[in-house]
PDB file of all heavy atoms in Angstrom:
ATOM      1  N   ALA A   1      50.041 -52.781  29.688  1.00  0.00           N
ATOM      2  CA  ALA A   1      50.572 -52.721  28.330  1.00  0.00           C
ATOM      3  C   ALA A   1      49.680 -51.890  27.421  1.00  0.00           C
ATOM      4  O   ALA A   1      50.172 -51.138  26.574  1.00  0.00           O
ATOM      5  CB  ALA A   1      50.735 -54.137  27.773  1.00  0.00           C
ATOM      6  N   GLY A   2      48.368 -52.024  27.596  1.00  0.00           N
ATOM      7  CA  GLY A   2      47.446 -51.255  26.762  1.00  0.00           C
ATOM      8  C   GLY A   2      47.629 -49.758  26.940  1.00  0.00           C
ATOM      9  O   GLY A   2      47.716 -49.002  25.957  1.00  0.00           O
ATOM     10  N   LEU A   3      47.708 -49.309  28.192  1.00  0.00           N
ATOM     11  CA  LEU A   3      47.890 -47.873  28.438  1.00  0.00           C
ATOM     12  C   LEU A   3      49.303 -47.422  28.106  1.00  0.00           C
ATOM     13  O   LEU A   3      49.518 -46.286  27.674  1.00  0.00           O
ATOM     14  CB  LEU A   3      47.556 -47.547  29.890  1.00  0.00           C
ATOM     15  CG  LEU A   3      46.174 -46.895  30.083  1.00  0.00           C
ATOM     16  CD1 LEU A   3      46.141 -45.480  29.520  1.00  0.00           C
ATOM     17  CD2 LEU A   3      45.081 -47.735  29.426  1.00  0.00           C
ATOM     18  N   ALA A   4      50.287 -48.302  28.287  1.00  0.00           N
ATOM     19  CA  ALA A   4      51.651 -47.958  27.894  1.00  0.00           C
ATOM     20  C   ALA A   4      51.737 -47.740  26.391  1.00  0.00           C
ATOM     21  O   ALA A   4      52.388 -46.792  25.918  1.00  0.00           O
ATOM     22  CB  ALA A   4      52.612 -49.059  28.328  1.00  0.00           C
ATOM     23  N   LEU A   5      51.077 -48.609  25.637  1.00  0.00           N
ATOM     24  CA  LEU A   5      51.050 -48.465  24.182  1.00  0.00           C
ATOM     25  C   LEU A   5      50.367 -47.159  23.786  1.00  0.00           C
ATOM     26  O   LEU A   5      50.874 -46.398  22.955  1.00  0.00           O
ATOM     27  CB  LEU A   5      50.317 -49.659  23.564  1.00  0.00           C
ATOM     28  CG  LEU A   5      50.067 -49.591  22.050  1.00  0.00           C
ATOM     29  CD1 LEU A   5      51.393 -49.721  21.296  1.00  0.00           C
ATOM     30  CD2 LEU A   5      49.098 -50.683  21.611  1.00  0.00           C
ATOM     31  N   GLU A   6      49.219 -46.906  24.382  1.00  0.00           N
ATOM     32  CA  GLU A   6      48.459 -45.702  24.052  1.00  0.00           C
ATOM     33  C   GLU A   6      49.249 -44.436  24.397  1.00  0.00           C
ATOM     34  O   GLU A   6      49.346 -43.502  23.587  1.00  0.00           O
ATOM     35  CB  GLU A   6      47.128 -45.722  24.803  1.00  0.00           C
ATOM     36  CG  GLU A   6      46.153 -44.656  24.367  1.00  0.00           C
ATOM     37  CD  GLU A   6      44.783 -44.844  25.004  1.00  0.00           C
ATOM     38  OE1 GLU A   6      44.655 -45.647  25.943  1.00  0.00           O
ATOM     39  OE2 GLU A   6      43.847 -44.175  24.552  1.00  0.00           O
ATOM     40  N   THR A   7      49.822 -44.405  25.591  1.00  0.00           N
ATOM     41  CA  THR A   7      50.609 -43.243  26.013  1.00  0.00           C
ATOM     42  C   THR A   7      51.823 -43.044  25.120  1.00  0.00           C
ATOM     43  O   THR A   7      52.137 -41.916  24.716  1.00  0.00           O
ATOM     44  CB  THR A   7      51.064 -43.410  27.476  1.00  0.00           C
ATOM     45  OG1 THR A   7      49.921 -43.618  28.306  1.00  0.00           O
ATOM     46  CG2 THR A   7      51.813 -42.182  27.956  1.00  0.00           C
ATOM     47  N   SER A   8      52.515 -44.135  24.799  1.00  0.00           N
ATOM     48  CA  SER A   8      53.698 -44.037  23.939  1.00  0.00           C
ATOM     49  C   SER A   8      53.342 -43.490  22.567  1.00  0.00           C
ATOM     50  O   SER A   8      54.055 -42.627  22.017  1.00  0.00           O
ATOM     51  CB  SER A   8      54.357 -45.412  23.790  1.00  0.00           C
ATOM     52  OG  SER A   8      54.851 -45.883  25.028  1.00  0.00           O
ATOM     53  N   LEU A   9      52.240 -43.972  21.999  1.00  0.00           N
ATOM     54  CA  LEU A   9      51.851 -43.515  20.666  1.00  0.00           C
ATOM     55  C   LEU A   9      51.470 -42.034  20.667  1.00  0.00           C
ATOM     56  O   LEU A   9      51.800 -41.308  19.727  1.00  0.00           O
ATOM     57  CB  LEU A   9      50.687 -44.365  20.153  1.00  0.00           C
ATOM     58  CG  LEU A   9      51.092 -45.726  19.583  1.00  0.00           C
ATOM     59  CD1 LEU A   9      49.891 -46.633  19.429  1.00  0.00           C
ATOM     60  CD2 LEU A   9      51.795 -45.547  18.229  1.00  0.00           C
ATOM     61  N   ILE A  10      50.796 -41.592  21.717  1.00  0.00           N
ATOM     62  CA  ILE A  10      50.442 -40.175  21.804  1.00  0.00           C
ATOM     63  C   ILE A  10      51.696 -39.313  21.912  1.00  0.00           C
ATOM     64  O   ILE A  10      51.821 -38.270  21.241  1.00  0.00           O
ATOM     65  CB  ILE A  10      49.500 -39.933  22.999  1.00  0.00           C
ATOM     66  CG1 ILE A  10      48.121 -40.543  22.710  1.00  0.00           C
ATOM     67  CG2 ILE A  10      49.349 -38.432  23.287  1.00  0.00           C
ATOM     68  CD1 ILE A  10      47.186 -40.544  23.899  1.00  0.00           C
ATOM     69  N   LEU A  11      52.663 -39.749  22.727  1.00  0.00           N
ATOM     70  CA  LEU A  11      53.902 -38.994  22.879  1.00  0.00           C
ATOM     71  C   LEU A  11      54.732 -39.012  21.591  1.00  0.00           C
ATOM     72  O   LEU A  11      55.350 -38.006  21.217  1.00  0.00           O
ATOM     73  CB  LEU A  11      54.723 -39.559  24.046  1.00  0.00           C
ATOM     74  CG  LEU A  11      54.114 -39.370  25.442  1.00  0.00           C
ATOM     75  CD1 LEU A  11      54.939 -40.101  26.486  1.00  0.00           C
ATOM     76  CD2 LEU A  11      54.006 -37.887  25.786  1.00  0.00           C
ATOM     77  N   ILE A  12      54.752 -40.159  20.917  1.00  0.00           N
ATOM     78  CA  ILE A  12      55.477 -40.254  19.645  1.00  0.00           C
ATOM     79  C   ILE A  12      54.842 -39.332  18.613  1.00  0.00           C
ATOM     80  O   ILE A  12      55.527 -38.610  17.879  1.00  0.00           O
ATOM     81  CB  ILE A  12      55.491 -41.712  19.137  1.00  0.00           C
ATOM     82  CG1 ILE A  12      56.403 -42.567  20.015  1.00  0.00           C
ATOM     83  CG2 ILE A  12      55.962 -41.770  17.686  1.00  0.00           C
ATOM     84  CD1 ILE A  12      56.283 -44.052  19.754  1.00  0.00           C
ATOM     85  N   TYR A  13      53.520 -39.343  18.556  1.00  0.00           N
ATOM     86  CA  TYR A  13      52.818 -38.477  17.604  1.00  0.00           C
ATOM     87  C   TYR A  13      53.137 -37.013  17.878  1.00  0.00           C
ATOM     88  O   TYR A  13      53.406 -36.235  16.960  1.00  0.00           O
ATOM     89  CB  TYR A  13      51.316 -38.720  17.689  1.00  0.00           C
ATOM     90  CG  TYR A  13      50.536 -37.990  16.616  1.00  0.00           C
ATOM     91  CD1 TYR A  13      50.245 -38.605  15.404  1.00  0.00           C
ATOM     92  CD2 TYR A  13      50.104 -36.680  16.802  1.00  0.00           C
ATOM     93  CE1 TYR A  13      49.550 -37.944  14.409  1.00  0.00           C
ATOM     94  CE2 TYR A  13      49.404 -36.006  15.817  1.00  0.00           C
ATOM     95  CZ  TYR A  13      49.132 -36.640  14.627  1.00  0.00           C
ATOM     96  OH  TYR A  13      48.449 -35.969  13.641  1.00  0.00           O
ATOM     97  N   GLN A  14      53.099 -36.639  19.149  1.00  0.00           N
ATOM     98  CA  GLN A  14      53.390 -35.254  19.508  1.00  0.00           C
ATOM     99  C   GLN A  14      54.831 -34.888  19.162  1.00  0.00           C
ATOM    100  O   GLN A  14      55.110 -33.785  18.668  1.00  0.00           O
ATOM    101  CB  GLN A  14      53.145 -35.036  20.996  1.00  0.00           C
ATOM    102  CG  GLN A  14      53.265 -33.586  21.437  1.00  0.00           C
ATOM    103  CD  GLN A  14      52.927 -33.407  22.901  1.00  0.00           C
ATOM    104  OE1 GLN A  14      53.094 -34.330  23.693  1.00  0.00           O
ATOM    105  NE2 GLN A  14      52.454 -32.235  23.271  1.00  0.00           N
ATOM    106  N   SER A  15      55.766 -35.796  19.400  1.00  0.00           N
ATOM    107  CA  SER A  15      57.170 -35.522  19.088  1.00  0.00           C
ATOM    108  C   SER A  15      57.403 -35.419  17.588  1.00  0.00           C
ATOM    109  O   SER A  15      58.183 -34.582  17.119  1.00  0.00           O
ATOM    110  CB  SER A  15      58.057 -36.629  19.664  1.00  0.00           C
ATOM    111  OG  SER A  15      57.952 -36.685  21.071  1.00  0.00           O
ATOM    112  N   ALA A  16      56.729 -36.270  16.821  1.00  0.00           N
ATOM    113  CA  ALA A  16      56.949 -36.310  15.377  1.00  0.00           C
ATOM    114  C   ALA A  16      56.270 -35.150  14.654  1.00  0.00           C
ATOM    115  O   ALA A  16      56.791 -34.633  13.665  1.00  0.00           O
ATOM    116  CB  ALA A  16      56.452 -37.639  14.815  1.00  0.00           C
ATOM    117  N   HIS A  17      55.087 -34.744  15.142  1.00  0.00           N
ATOM    118  CA  HIS A  17      54.298 -33.752  14.421  1.00  0.00           C
ATOM    119  C   HIS A  17      54.226 -32.407  15.133  1.00  0.00           C
ATOM    120  O   HIS A  17      53.757 -31.424  14.550  1.00  0.00           O
ATOM    121  CB  HIS A  17      52.881 -34.277  14.186  1.00  0.00           C
ATOM    122  CG  HIS A  17      52.851 -35.520  13.344  1.00  0.00           C
ATOM    123  ND1 HIS A  17      52.905 -35.497  11.963  1.00  0.00           N
ATOM    124  CD2 HIS A  17      52.803 -36.836  13.689  1.00  0.00           C
ATOM    125  CE1 HIS A  17      52.883 -36.724  11.491  1.00  0.00           C
ATOM    126  NE2 HIS A  17      52.814 -37.565  12.524  1.00  0.00           N
ATOM    127  N   GLY A  18      54.637 -32.369  16.405  1.00  0.00           N
ATOM    128  CA  GLY A  18      54.660 -31.104  17.115  1.00  0.00           C
ATOM    129  C   GLY A  18      53.335 -30.680  17.715  1.00  0.00           C
ATOM    130  O   GLY A  18      53.238 -29.640  18.346  1.00  0.00           O
ATOM    131  N   TYR A  19      52.292 -31.462  17.523  1.00  0.00           N
ATOM    132  CA  TYR A  19      50.981 -31.132  18.094  1.00  0.00           C
ATOM    133  C   TYR A  19      50.177 -32.418  18.227  1.00  0.00           C
ATOM    134  O   TYR A  19      50.501 -33.435  17.625  1.00  0.00           O
ATOM    135  CB  TYR A  19      50.219 -30.150  17.196  1.00  0.00           C
ATOM    136  CG  TYR A  19      49.881 -30.703  15.832  1.00  0.00           C
ATOM    137  CD1 TYR A  19      48.669 -31.352  15.598  1.00  0.00           C
ATOM    138  CD2 TYR A  19      50.793 -30.606  14.777  1.00  0.00           C
ATOM    139  CE1 TYR A  19      48.379 -31.879  14.348  1.00  0.00           C
ATOM    140  CE2 TYR A  19      50.501 -31.131  13.538  1.00  0.00           C
ATOM    141  CZ  TYR A  19      49.296 -31.759  13.317  1.00  0.00           C
ATOM    142  OH  TYR A  19      49.009 -32.284  12.083  1.00  0.00           O
ATOM    143  N   VAL A  20      49.127 -32.374  19.007  1.00  0.00           N
ATOM    144  CA  VAL A  20      48.235 -33.527  19.123  1.00  0.00           C
ATOM    145  C   VAL A  20      46.784 -33.068  19.139  1.00  0.00           C
ATOM    146  O   VAL A  20      45.979 -33.475  18.341  1.00  0.00           O
ATOM    147  CB  VAL A  20      48.606 -34.385  20.359  1.00  0.00           C
ATOM    148  CG1 VAL A  20      48.089 -33.826  21.637  1.00  0.00           C
ATOM    149  CG2 VAL A  20      48.153 -35.804  20.191  1.00  0.00           C
ATOM    150  N   PHE A  21      46.423 -32.199  20.045  1.00  0.00           N
ATOM    151  CA  PHE A  21      45.145 -31.513  20.142  1.00  0.00           C
ATOM    152  C   PHE A  21      43.956 -32.385  19.728  1.00  0.00           C
ATOM    153  O   PHE A  21      43.651 -33.366  20.390  1.00  0.00           O
ATOM    154  CB  PHE A  21      45.182 -30.199  19.346  1.00  0.00           C
ATOM    155  CG  PHE A  21      46.239 -29.262  19.810  1.00  0.00           C
ATOM    156  CD1 PHE A  21      47.311 -28.927  18.986  1.00  0.00           C
ATOM    157  CD2 PHE A  21      46.204 -28.744  21.090  1.00  0.00           C
ATOM    158  CE1 PHE A  21      48.311 -28.072  19.436  1.00  0.00           C
ATOM    159  CE2 PHE A  21      47.197 -27.894  21.544  1.00  0.00           C
ATOM    160  CZ  PHE A  21      48.241 -27.559  20.717  1.00  0.00           C
ATOM    161  N   THR A  22      43.286 -32.040  18.602  1.00  0.00           N
ATOM    162  CA  THR A  22      42.057 -32.753  18.237  1.00  0.00           C
ATOM    163  C   THR A  22      42.314 -34.217  17.906  1.00  0.00           C
ATOM    164  O   THR A  22      41.412 -35.046  18.039  1.00  0.00           O
ATOM    165  CB  THR A  22      41.378 -32.082  17.031  1.00  0.00           C
ATOM    166  OG1 THR A  22      42.320 -32.031  15.945  1.00  0.00           O
ATOM    167  CG2 THR A  22      40.954 -30.660  17.389  1.00  0.00           C
ATOM    168  N   ARG A  23      43.532 -34.553  17.475  1.00  0.00           N
ATOM    169  CA  ARG A  23      43.817 -35.948  17.106  1.00  0.00           C
ATOM    170  C   ARG A  23      43.794 -36.874  18.316  1.00  0.00           C
ATOM    171  O   ARG A  23      43.612 -38.078  18.158  1.00  0.00           O
ATOM    172  CB  ARG A  23      45.195 -36.030  16.441  1.00  0.00           C
ATOM    173  CG  ARG A  23      45.321 -35.244  15.150  1.00  0.00           C
ATOM    174  CD  ARG A  23      44.536 -35.898  14.026  1.00  0.00           C
ATOM    175  NE  ARG A  23      44.587 -35.112  12.816  1.00  0.00           N
ATOM    176  CZ  ARG A  23      45.528 -35.224  11.885  1.00  0.00           C
ATOM    177  NH1 ARG A  23      46.516 -36.086  12.060  1.00  0.00           N
ATOM    178  NH2 ARG A  23      45.499 -34.491  10.805  1.00  0.00           N
ATOM    179  N   ILE A  24      44.007 -36.332  19.499  1.00  0.00           N
ATOM    180  CA  ILE A  24      44.072 -37.193  20.677  1.00  0.00           C
ATOM    181  C   ILE A  24      42.738 -37.884  20.926  1.00  0.00           C
ATOM    182  O   ILE A  24      42.684 -39.037  21.351  1.00  0.00           O
ATOM    183  CB  ILE A  24      44.532 -36.398  21.924  1.00  0.00           C
ATOM    184  CG1 ILE A  24      44.944 -37.361  23.032  1.00  0.00           C
ATOM    185  CG2 ILE A  24      43.450 -35.446  22.419  1.00  0.00           C
ATOM    186  CD1 ILE A  24      45.634 -36.685  24.194  1.00  0.00           C
ATOM    187  N   GLY A  25      41.633 -37.180  20.628  1.00  0.00           N
ATOM    188  CA  GLY A  25      40.319 -37.794  20.797  1.00  0.00           C
ATOM    189  C   GLY A  25      40.138 -38.991  19.875  1.00  0.00           C
ATOM    190  O   GLY A  25      39.606 -40.034  20.277  1.00  0.00           O
ATOM    191  N   LEU A  26      40.603 -38.856  18.629  1.00  0.00           N
ATOM    192  CA  LEU A  26      40.507 -39.962  17.682  1.00  0.00           C
ATOM    193  C   LEU A  26      41.400 -41.130  18.097  1.00  0.00           C
ATOM    194  O   LEU A  26      41.052 -42.297  17.889  1.00  0.00           O
ATOM    195  CB  LEU A  26      40.889 -39.485  16.284  1.00  0.00           C
ATOM    196  CG  LEU A  26      39.921 -38.505  15.619  1.00  0.00           C
ATOM    197  CD1 LEU A  26      40.498 -38.009  14.300  1.00  0.00           C
ATOM    198  CD2 LEU A  26      38.566 -39.171  15.391  1.00  0.00           C
ATOM    199  N   MET A  27      42.544 -40.801  18.684  1.00  0.00           N
ATOM    200  CA  MET A  27      43.444 -41.861  19.131  1.00  0.00           C
ATOM    201  C   MET A  27      42.843 -42.634  20.295  1.00  0.00           C
ATOM    202  O   MET A  27      42.893 -43.868  20.332  1.00  0.00           O
ATOM    203  CB  MET A  27      44.801 -41.267  19.490  1.00  0.00           C
ATOM    204  CG  MET A  27      45.510 -40.634  18.297  1.00  0.00           C
ATOM    205  SD  MET A  27      47.065 -39.811  18.693  1.00  0.00           S
ATOM    206  CE  MET A  27      48.189 -41.202  18.682  1.00  0.00           C
ATOM    207  N   PHE A  28      42.259 -41.926  21.250  1.00  0.00           N
ATOM    208  CA  PHE A  28      41.556 -42.601  22.347  1.00  0.00           C
ATOM    209  C   PHE A  28      40.406 -43.446  21.801  1.00  0.00           C
ATOM    210  O   PHE A  28      40.184 -44.577  22.243  1.00  0.00           O
ATOM    211  CB  PHE A  28      41.008 -41.585  23.345  1.00  0.00           C
ATOM    212  CG  PHE A  28      42.026 -41.081  24.327  1.00  0.00           C
ATOM    213  CD1 PHE A  28      42.242 -39.727  24.486  1.00  0.00           C
ATOM    214  CD2 PHE A  28      42.761 -41.961  25.103  1.00  0.00           C
ATOM    215  CE1 PHE A  28      43.180 -39.259  25.388  1.00  0.00           C
ATOM    216  CE2 PHE A  28      43.698 -41.506  26.021  1.00  0.00           C
ATOM    217  CZ  PHE A  28      43.912 -40.141  26.162  1.00  0.00           C
ATOM    218  N   ALA A  29      39.665 -42.877  20.835  1.00  0.00           N
ATOM    219  CA  ALA A  29      38.520 -43.592  20.271  1.00  0.00           C
ATOM    220  C   ALA A  29      38.958 -44.872  19.573  1.00  0.00           C
ATOM    221  O   ALA A  29      38.278 -45.905  19.666  1.00  0.00           O
ATOM    222  CB  ALA A  29      37.767 -42.685  19.296  1.00  0.00           C
ATOM    223  N   SER A  30      40.088 -44.825  18.883  1.00  0.00           N
ATOM    224  CA  SER A  30      40.588 -46.023  18.196  1.00  0.00           C
ATOM    225  C   SER A  30      40.900 -47.130  19.193  1.00  0.00           C
ATOM    226  O   SER A  30      40.550 -48.305  18.978  1.00  0.00           O
ATOM    227  CB  SER A  30      41.853 -45.686  17.390  1.00  0.00           C
ATOM    228  OG  SER A  30      41.557 -44.790  16.352  1.00  0.00           O
ATOM    229  N   PHE A  31      41.554 -46.761  20.294  1.00  0.00           N
ATOM    230  CA  PHE A  31      41.894 -47.765  21.301  1.00  0.00           C
ATOM    231  C   PHE A  31      40.633 -48.361  21.930  1.00  0.00           C
ATOM    232  O   PHE A  31      40.521 -49.584  22.083  1.00  0.00           O
ATOM    233  CB  PHE A  31      42.772 -47.133  22.383  1.00  0.00           C
ATOM    234  CG  PHE A  31      43.241 -48.114  23.421  1.00  0.00           C
ATOM    235  CD1 PHE A  31      44.370 -48.884  23.208  1.00  0.00           C
ATOM    236  CD2 PHE A  31      42.551 -48.278  24.614  1.00  0.00           C
ATOM    237  CE1 PHE A  31      44.812 -49.801  24.153  1.00  0.00           C
ATOM    238  CE2 PHE A  31      42.980 -49.182  25.567  1.00  0.00           C
ATOM    239  CZ  PHE A  31      44.108 -49.945  25.336  1.00  0.00           C
ATOM    240  N   MET A  32      39.670 -47.508  22.280  1.00  0.00           N
ATOM    241  CA  MET A  32      38.453 -47.995  22.928  1.00  0.00           C
ATOM    242  C   MET A  32      37.600 -48.820  21.969  1.00  0.00           C
ATOM    243  O   MET A  32      36.981 -49.808  22.371  1.00  0.00           O
ATOM    244  CB  MET A  32      37.654 -46.820  23.489  1.00  0.00           C
ATOM    245  CG  MET A  32      38.378 -46.027  24.567  1.00  0.00           C
ATOM    246  SD  MET A  32      39.056 -47.059  25.898  1.00  0.00           S
ATOM    247  CE  MET A  32      37.541 -47.733  26.610  1.00  0.00           C
ATOM    248  N   PHE A  33      37.559 -48.423  20.690  1.00  0.00           N
ATOM    249  CA  PHE A  33      36.814 -49.211  19.709  1.00  0.00           C
ATOM    250  C   PHE A  33      37.451 -50.589  19.544  1.00  0.00           C
ATOM    251  O   PHE A  33      36.758 -51.612  19.467  1.00  0.00           O
ATOM    252  CB  PHE A  33      36.778 -48.480  18.366  1.00  0.00           C
ATOM    253  CG  PHE A  33      36.020 -49.223  17.299  1.00  0.00           C
ATOM    254  CD1 PHE A  33      34.635 -49.313  17.355  1.00  0.00           C
ATOM    255  CD2 PHE A  33      36.690 -49.839  16.256  1.00  0.00           C
ATOM    256  CE1 PHE A  33      33.934 -50.003  16.374  1.00  0.00           C
ATOM    257  CE2 PHE A  33      36.002 -50.527  15.272  1.00  0.00           C
ATOM    258  CZ  PHE A  33      34.610 -50.610  15.331  1.00  0.00           C
ATOM    259  N   GLY A  34      38.785 -50.615  19.504  1.00  0.00           N
ATOM    260  CA  GLY A  34      39.474 -51.898  19.450  1.00  0.00           C
ATOM    261  C   GLY A  34      39.173 -52.752  20.668  1.00  0.00           C
ATOM    262  O   GLY A  34      38.972 -53.968  20.554  1.00  0.00           O
ATOM    263  N   SER A  35      39.126 -52.125  21.855  1.00  0.00           N
ATOM    264  CA  SER A  35      38.807 -52.864  23.088  1.00  0.00           C
ATOM    265  C   SER A  35      37.421 -53.487  23.004  1.00  0.00           C
ATOM    266  O   SER A  35      37.223 -54.642  23.399  1.00  0.00           O
ATOM    267  CB  SER A  35      38.876 -51.925  24.297  1.00  0.00           C
ATOM    268  OG  SER A  35      40.176 -51.431  24.477  1.00  0.00           O
TER     269      SER A  35
END
C-alpha cells in the first residue's frame, strides 16, 4: 500500500502538471521522512 500510494501520487502529479523531474526527489523524501 505504501508503494502503491507513492507511485499513484507521482503518476497523478505527472498527469496533472505535465512534469515531475526535480519534484520526484522531494516526493520520495516526504514518504521516507514520514516512514
